[in-house]
Amino acid sequence: KEIYKKNKSKNICLAGGVALNSVANNYLYKKGDFDKMFVFPACSDSGIPLGLVLWGYHNFLNGKKRIKFNNAYTGIEYSKDEILSILKKNKISHSFTNNNEIAKYISEGKVIGYFQGKSEYGPRALGNRSILADARNPLMRDYINKKIKHREMFRPFAPAILEEKSKEYFELEYSPFMLQVSKSKKRKKIPSAIHVDGTARVQTVNKKQNKNFYDLINEFYKITNVPVILNTSFNDAGEPLVETPLDALICFLK
């Protein structure tokens, strides 16, 4: 409120480790006077390198152009040939698939290791290095925590939702980096993605940010009439997110 009084800006940007408090972020947005809020996805110490680059651009190179940060997929993308080489070398049975088939698997209760595109910047898996499942199944959260992630049973998962459907299910429209927590309006429809207090750390997905992940959620929506998929990071307890195809394969087999 003090910041708003001093500069009257309708926009606020948050960064630093405190901005990982997604409950506080949503409270600030709802209770404050700002029209728009931007929370940088790598808002911990991992954001410092990009901050230094931007500082140098503006101060040393007199940069006038505003740098747009449209999505958090800034990591490495691995080619189909690289992935096939690892599968063949390790004699892993494999086949080609598509989002319709994957959505069907999820709707039937399968848990998917989803590895595609460039890896995410920041601590959240945003659909490129993710474990995906059906949030409608009330047993799914405990199953993934116990059998797959090997972590505490109370730990919640995120709902990844089509951006245009977010207001139907939650009290927010836009949360692409999974950095806002909101009350759920339809917690009975997606129980495994909702925390015990009726809230969820939401990820909204649109075509511009991640077309492939958007299309997968949309295929699931066509099958189930629910535009939400349970999303958690592709890693085991105590391990970092998978980065390479080999990381994904080792984690999957474990």
Protein backbone atom coordinates (compact mmCIF):
# COMPACT_ATOMS: atom_id res chain seq x y z
CA LYS A 1 0.00 0.00 0.00
CA GLU A 2 2.89 2.34 0.74
CA ILE A 3 4.45 1.63 -2.66
CA TYR A 4 1.14 2.37 -4.37
CA LYS A 5 0.79 5.66 -2.49
CA LYS A 6 4.26 6.77 -3.59
CA ASN A 7 4.13 6.11 -7.33
CA LYS A 8 0.47 5.45 -8.23
CA SER A 9 1.46 2.73 -10.71
CA LYS A 10 -1.31 0.34 -11.65
CA ASN A 11 1.25 -2.44 -12.14
CA ILE A 12 3.51 -4.23 -9.67
CA CYS A 13 6.35 -6.70 -10.23
CA LEU A 14 7.51 -9.11 -7.54
CA ALA A 15 10.81 -10.96 -7.30
CA GLY A 16 13.11 -12.46 -4.69
CA GLY A 17 12.48 -15.56 -2.60
CA VAL A 18 9.53 -13.93 -0.84
CA ALA A 19 7.66 -13.97 -4.16
CA LEU A 20 7.60 -17.77 -4.01
CA ASN A 21 4.93 -17.33 -1.31
CA SER A 22 2.06 -17.97 -3.69
CA VAL A 23 -0.59 -17.55 -0.94
CA ALA A 24 0.70 -14.05 -0.16
CA ASN A 25 0.93 -13.19 -3.86
CA ASN A 26 -2.77 -13.86 -4.44
CA TYR A 27 -3.74 -12.03 -1.24
CA LEU A 28 -1.75 -8.98 -2.33
CA TYR A 29 -3.34 -9.02 -5.77
CA LYS A 30 -6.89 -9.31 -4.41
CA LYS A 31 -6.53 -6.82 -1.53
CA GLY A 32 -4.23 -4.26 -3.18
CA ASP A 33 -4.94 -1.45 -5.64
CA PHE A 34 -2.91 -2.84 -8.53
CA ASP A 35 -4.59 -3.82 -11.80
CA LYS A 36 -1.78 -6.13 -12.95
CA MET A 37 0.82 -8.13 -11.07
CA PHE A 38 3.84 -9.88 -12.57
CA VAL A 39 5.78 -12.46 -10.54
CA PHE A 40 9.01 -13.57 -12.18
CA PRO A 41 9.09 -17.40 -12.44
CA ALA A 42 12.69 -17.69 -11.22
CA CYS A 43 12.02 -15.43 -8.25
CA SER A 44 14.61 -17.10 -6.01
CA ASP A 45 18.40 -16.68 -6.35
CA SER A 46 18.19 -18.44 -9.74
CA GLY A 47 16.70 -15.24 -11.17
CA ILE A 48 19.81 -13.18 -10.37
CA PRO A 49 21.71 -14.09 -13.61
CA LEU A 50 18.91 -12.77 -15.81
CA GLY A 51 18.59 -9.71 -13.58
CA LEU A 52 22.28 -8.97 -14.10
CA VAL A 53 21.96 -9.36 -17.86
CA LEU A 54 19.00 -6.95 -17.94
CA TRP A 55 20.86 -4.48 -15.70
CA GLY A 56 23.86 -4.62 -18.05
CA TYR A 57 21.66 -4.22 -21.12
CA HIS A 58 20.05 -1.05 -19.77
CA ASN A 59 23.09 0.49 -18.05
CA PHE A 60 26.05 -0.46 -20.25
CA LEU A 61 24.37 -0.85 -23.64
CA ASN A 62 21.78 1.90 -23.05
CA GLY A 63 19.09 -0.59 -24.02
CA LYS A 64 15.81 1.12 -24.85
CA LYS A 65 13.80 -1.91 -25.96
CA ARG A 66 11.63 -3.59 -23.35
CA ILE A 67 12.43 -7.28 -22.99
CA LYS A 68 9.29 -9.41 -23.07
CA PHE A 69 9.18 -12.54 -20.91
CA ASN A 70 6.35 -14.52 -22.48
CA ASN A 71 7.04 -17.93 -20.94
CA ALA A 72 9.46 -19.76 -18.64
CA TYR A 73 10.68 -22.30 -21.20
CA THR A 74 14.24 -20.96 -21.53
CA GLY A 75 16.18 -24.21 -21.12
CA ILE A 76 17.52 -26.77 -23.57
CA GLU A 77 15.40 -28.65 -26.10
CA TYR A 78 16.56 -32.16 -27.07
CA SER A 79 16.06 -33.49 -30.57
CA LYS A 80 14.03 -36.54 -31.51
CA ASP A 81 17.25 -38.18 -32.72
CA GLU A 82 18.94 -37.66 -29.33
CA ILE A 83 15.99 -39.21 -27.52
CA LEU A 84 15.71 -42.17 -29.92
CA SER A 85 19.46 -42.79 -29.62
CA ILE A 86 19.20 -43.16 -25.82
CA LEU A 87 16.15 -45.43 -26.08
CA LYS A 88 17.84 -47.70 -28.64
CA LYS A 89 21.16 -47.75 -26.81
CA ASN A 90 19.43 -48.91 -23.62
CA LYS A 91 17.10 -51.29 -25.49
CA ILE A 92 13.96 -49.57 -24.21
CA SER A 93 10.76 -50.59 -25.96
CA HIS A 94 9.18 -47.45 -27.42
CA SER A 95 6.57 -46.13 -29.82
CA PHE A 96 5.34 -42.77 -31.11
CA THR A 97 2.31 -41.16 -29.52
CA ASN A 98 0.16 -38.00 -29.65
CA ASN A 99 -1.75 -35.77 -27.24
CA ASN A 100 -5.08 -37.47 -27.89
CA GLU A 101 -3.65 -40.86 -26.88
CA ILE A 102 -1.90 -39.37 -23.81
CA ALA A 103 -5.10 -37.60 -22.72
CA LYS A 104 -6.96 -40.90 -23.05
CA TYR A 105 -4.35 -42.65 -20.87
CA ILE A 106 -4.71 -39.94 -18.20
CA SER A 107 -8.52 -40.18 -18.28
CA GLU A 108 -8.17 -43.95 -17.70
CA GLY A 109 -6.11 -43.44 -14.55
CA LYS A 110 -2.59 -43.76 -15.94
CA VAL A 111 0.22 -41.55 -14.58
CA ILE A 112 2.37 -39.96 -17.30
CA GLY A 113 6.00 -38.87 -17.33
CA TYR A 114 5.76 -35.92 -19.74
CA PHE A 115 9.04 -34.73 -21.27
CA GLN A 116 8.90 -32.25 -24.16
CA GLY A 117 10.37 -29.00 -25.44
CA LYS A 118 12.66 -26.68 -23.49
CA SER A 119 13.09 -27.08 -19.74
CA GLU A 120 11.55 -24.54 -17.36
CA TYR A 121 13.31 -21.59 -15.70
CA GLY A 122 12.60 -21.50 -11.96
CA PRO A 123 11.47 -24.08 -9.41
CA ARG A 124 8.16 -25.12 -11.00
CA ALA A 125 7.46 -27.81 -13.58
CA LEU A 126 5.17 -26.11 -16.09
CA GLY A 127 4.29 -28.92 -18.48
CA ASN A 128 7.65 -29.64 -20.12
CA ARG A 129 9.23 -31.68 -17.30
CA SER A 130 6.07 -32.85 -15.54
CA ILE A 131 4.31 -35.87 -14.09
CA LEU A 132 0.67 -35.70 -15.15
CA ALA A 133 -2.44 -37.47 -13.88
CA ASP A 134 -6.22 -37.24 -13.55
CA ALA A 135 -7.20 -34.69 -10.88
CA ARG A 136 -10.78 -36.06 -10.86
CA ASN A 137 -9.64 -39.27 -9.14
CA PRO A 138 -9.79 -38.70 -5.34
CA LEU A 139 -7.19 -41.45 -4.75
CA MET A 140 -4.63 -40.04 -7.18
CA ARG A 141 -2.88 -37.61 -4.83
CA ASP A 142 -2.09 -40.25 -2.21
CA TYR A 143 -1.05 -42.72 -4.90
CA ILE A 144 1.46 -40.33 -6.49
CA ASN A 145 2.85 -39.14 -3.14
CA LYS A 146 3.33 -42.68 -1.83
CA LYS A 147 4.23 -44.74 -4.89
CA ILE A 148 5.83 -42.26 -7.31
CA LYS A 149 7.19 -39.18 -5.54
CA HIS A 150 7.91 -40.98 -2.20
CA ARG A 151 7.07 -37.93 -0.11
CA GLU A 152 4.72 -36.78 2.67
CA MET A 153 1.08 -37.66 2.08
CA PHE A 154 -0.24 -34.13 2.73
CA ARG A 155 1.77 -32.59 -0.12
CA PRO A 156 -0.58 -31.07 -2.74
CA PHE A 157 -0.34 -30.99 -6.53
CA ALA A 158 -1.07 -28.23 -8.99
CA PRO A 159 -4.01 -28.04 -11.37
CA ALA A 160 -2.91 -27.04 -14.88
CA ILE A 161 -5.97 -25.47 -16.49
CA LEU A 162 -6.89 -23.92 -19.84
CA GLU A 163 -6.53 -20.18 -19.21
CA GLU A 164 -9.96 -19.34 -20.62
CA LYS A 165 -11.59 -21.78 -18.14
CA SER A 166 -9.73 -20.60 -15.04
CA LYS A 167 -12.47 -18.28 -13.72
CA GLU A 168 -14.93 -21.19 -13.79
CA TYR A 169 -12.79 -23.23 -11.41
CA PHE A 170 -10.77 -20.64 -9.43
CA GLU A 171 -10.79 -17.04 -8.28
CA LEU A 172 -8.12 -15.96 -10.75
CA GLU A 173 -7.65 -15.55 -14.49
CA TYR A 174 -3.90 -15.64 -15.04
CA SER A 175 -1.17 -17.56 -13.24
CA PRO A 176 1.21 -18.99 -15.87
CA PHE A 177 4.13 -19.68 -13.51
CA MET A 178 2.20 -21.44 -10.72
CA LEU A 179 2.87 -18.57 -8.31
CA GLN A 180 -0.63 -17.80 -7.04
CA VAL A 181 -2.85 -19.82 -4.73
CA SER A 182 -6.60 -19.49 -5.12
CA LYS A 183 -9.78 -20.90 -3.63
CA SER A 184 -11.37 -23.54 -5.83
CA LYS A 185 -14.96 -23.13 -6.99
CA LYS A 186 -15.29 -26.78 -8.08
CA ARG A 187 -13.13 -28.72 -5.63
CA LYS A 188 -15.34 -31.83 -5.87
CA LYS A 189 -14.60 -32.11 -9.60
CA ILE A 190 -10.81 -32.14 -9.18
CA PRO A 191 -10.18 -33.35 -5.59
CA SER A 192 -6.61 -34.57 -6.12
CA ALA A 193 -5.43 -31.10 -7.20
CA ILE A 194 -7.03 -29.30 -4.26
CA HIS A 195 -5.40 -28.80 -0.86
CA VAL A 196 -7.16 -29.62 2.42
CA ASP A 197 -8.23 -25.96 2.86
CA GLY A 198 -9.95 -25.87 -0.55
CA THR A 199 -7.17 -23.97 -2.33
CA ALA A 200 -4.77 -24.81 -5.16
CA ARG A 201 -1.54 -23.40 -6.60
CA VAL A 202 -2.86 -22.85 -10.10
CA GLN A 203 -1.10 -22.94 -13.45
CA THR A 204 -3.04 -21.32 -16.29
CA VAL A 205 -2.02 -22.42 -19.79
CA ASN A 206 -2.65 -20.69 -23.10
CA LYS A 207 -1.65 -21.54 -26.67
CA LYS A 208 0.94 -18.76 -26.93
CA GLN A 209 2.87 -19.94 -23.87
CA ASN A 210 2.89 -23.67 -24.52
CA LYS A 211 0.87 -24.92 -27.48
CA ASN A 212 1.68 -28.60 -26.96
CA PHE A 213 0.70 -28.64 -23.27
CA TYR A 214 -2.39 -26.56 -24.03
CA ASP A 215 -3.42 -29.05 -26.72
CA LEU A 216 -2.98 -31.97 -24.31
CA ILE A 217 -5.21 -30.35 -21.66
CA ASN A 218 -7.72 -29.50 -24.39
CA GLU A 219 -7.78 -33.13 -25.59
CA PHE A 220 -8.41 -34.22 -21.99
CA TYR A 221 -11.20 -31.62 -21.80
CA LYS A 222 -12.83 -33.06 -24.93
CA ILE A 223 -12.81 -36.56 -23.38
CA THR A 224 -13.88 -35.65 -19.82
CA ASN A 225 -15.45 -32.17 -19.99
CA VAL A 226 -12.91 -31.12 -17.32
CA PRO A 227 -10.24 -28.63 -18.53
CA VAL A 228 -7.78 -29.51 -15.74
CA ILE A 229 -4.87 -31.95 -15.46
CA LEU A 230 -2.96 -32.69 -12.26
CA ASN A 231 0.63 -31.47 -12.69
CA THR A 232 3.67 -32.15 -10.50
CA SER A 233 7.39 -31.97 -11.16
CA PHE A 234 9.12 -34.85 -12.97
CA ASN A 235 11.48 -35.93 -10.17
CA ASP A 236 11.64 -38.17 -7.11
CA ALA A 237 11.80 -36.81 -3.55
CA GLY A 238 15.08 -35.03 -2.84
CA GLU A 239 16.08 -34.86 -6.52
CA PRO A 240 16.08 -31.90 -8.93
CA LEU A 241 13.71 -31.77 -11.89
CA VAL A 242 14.80 -34.00 -14.74
CA GLU A 243 16.69 -32.07 -17.42
CA THR A 244 17.95 -34.50 -20.06
CA PRO A 245 16.22 -37.44 -21.77
CA LEU A 246 18.49 -39.76 -19.75
CA ASP A 247 17.38 -38.07 -16.49
CA ALA A 248 13.76 -38.66 -17.50
CA LEU A 249 14.39 -42.30 -18.34
CA ILE A 250 16.20 -43.02 -15.02
CA CYS A 251 13.47 -41.27 -12.99
CA PHE A 252 10.71 -43.05 -14.93
CA LEU A 253 12.26 -46.50 -14.43
CA LYS A 254 12.71 -45.85 -10.70
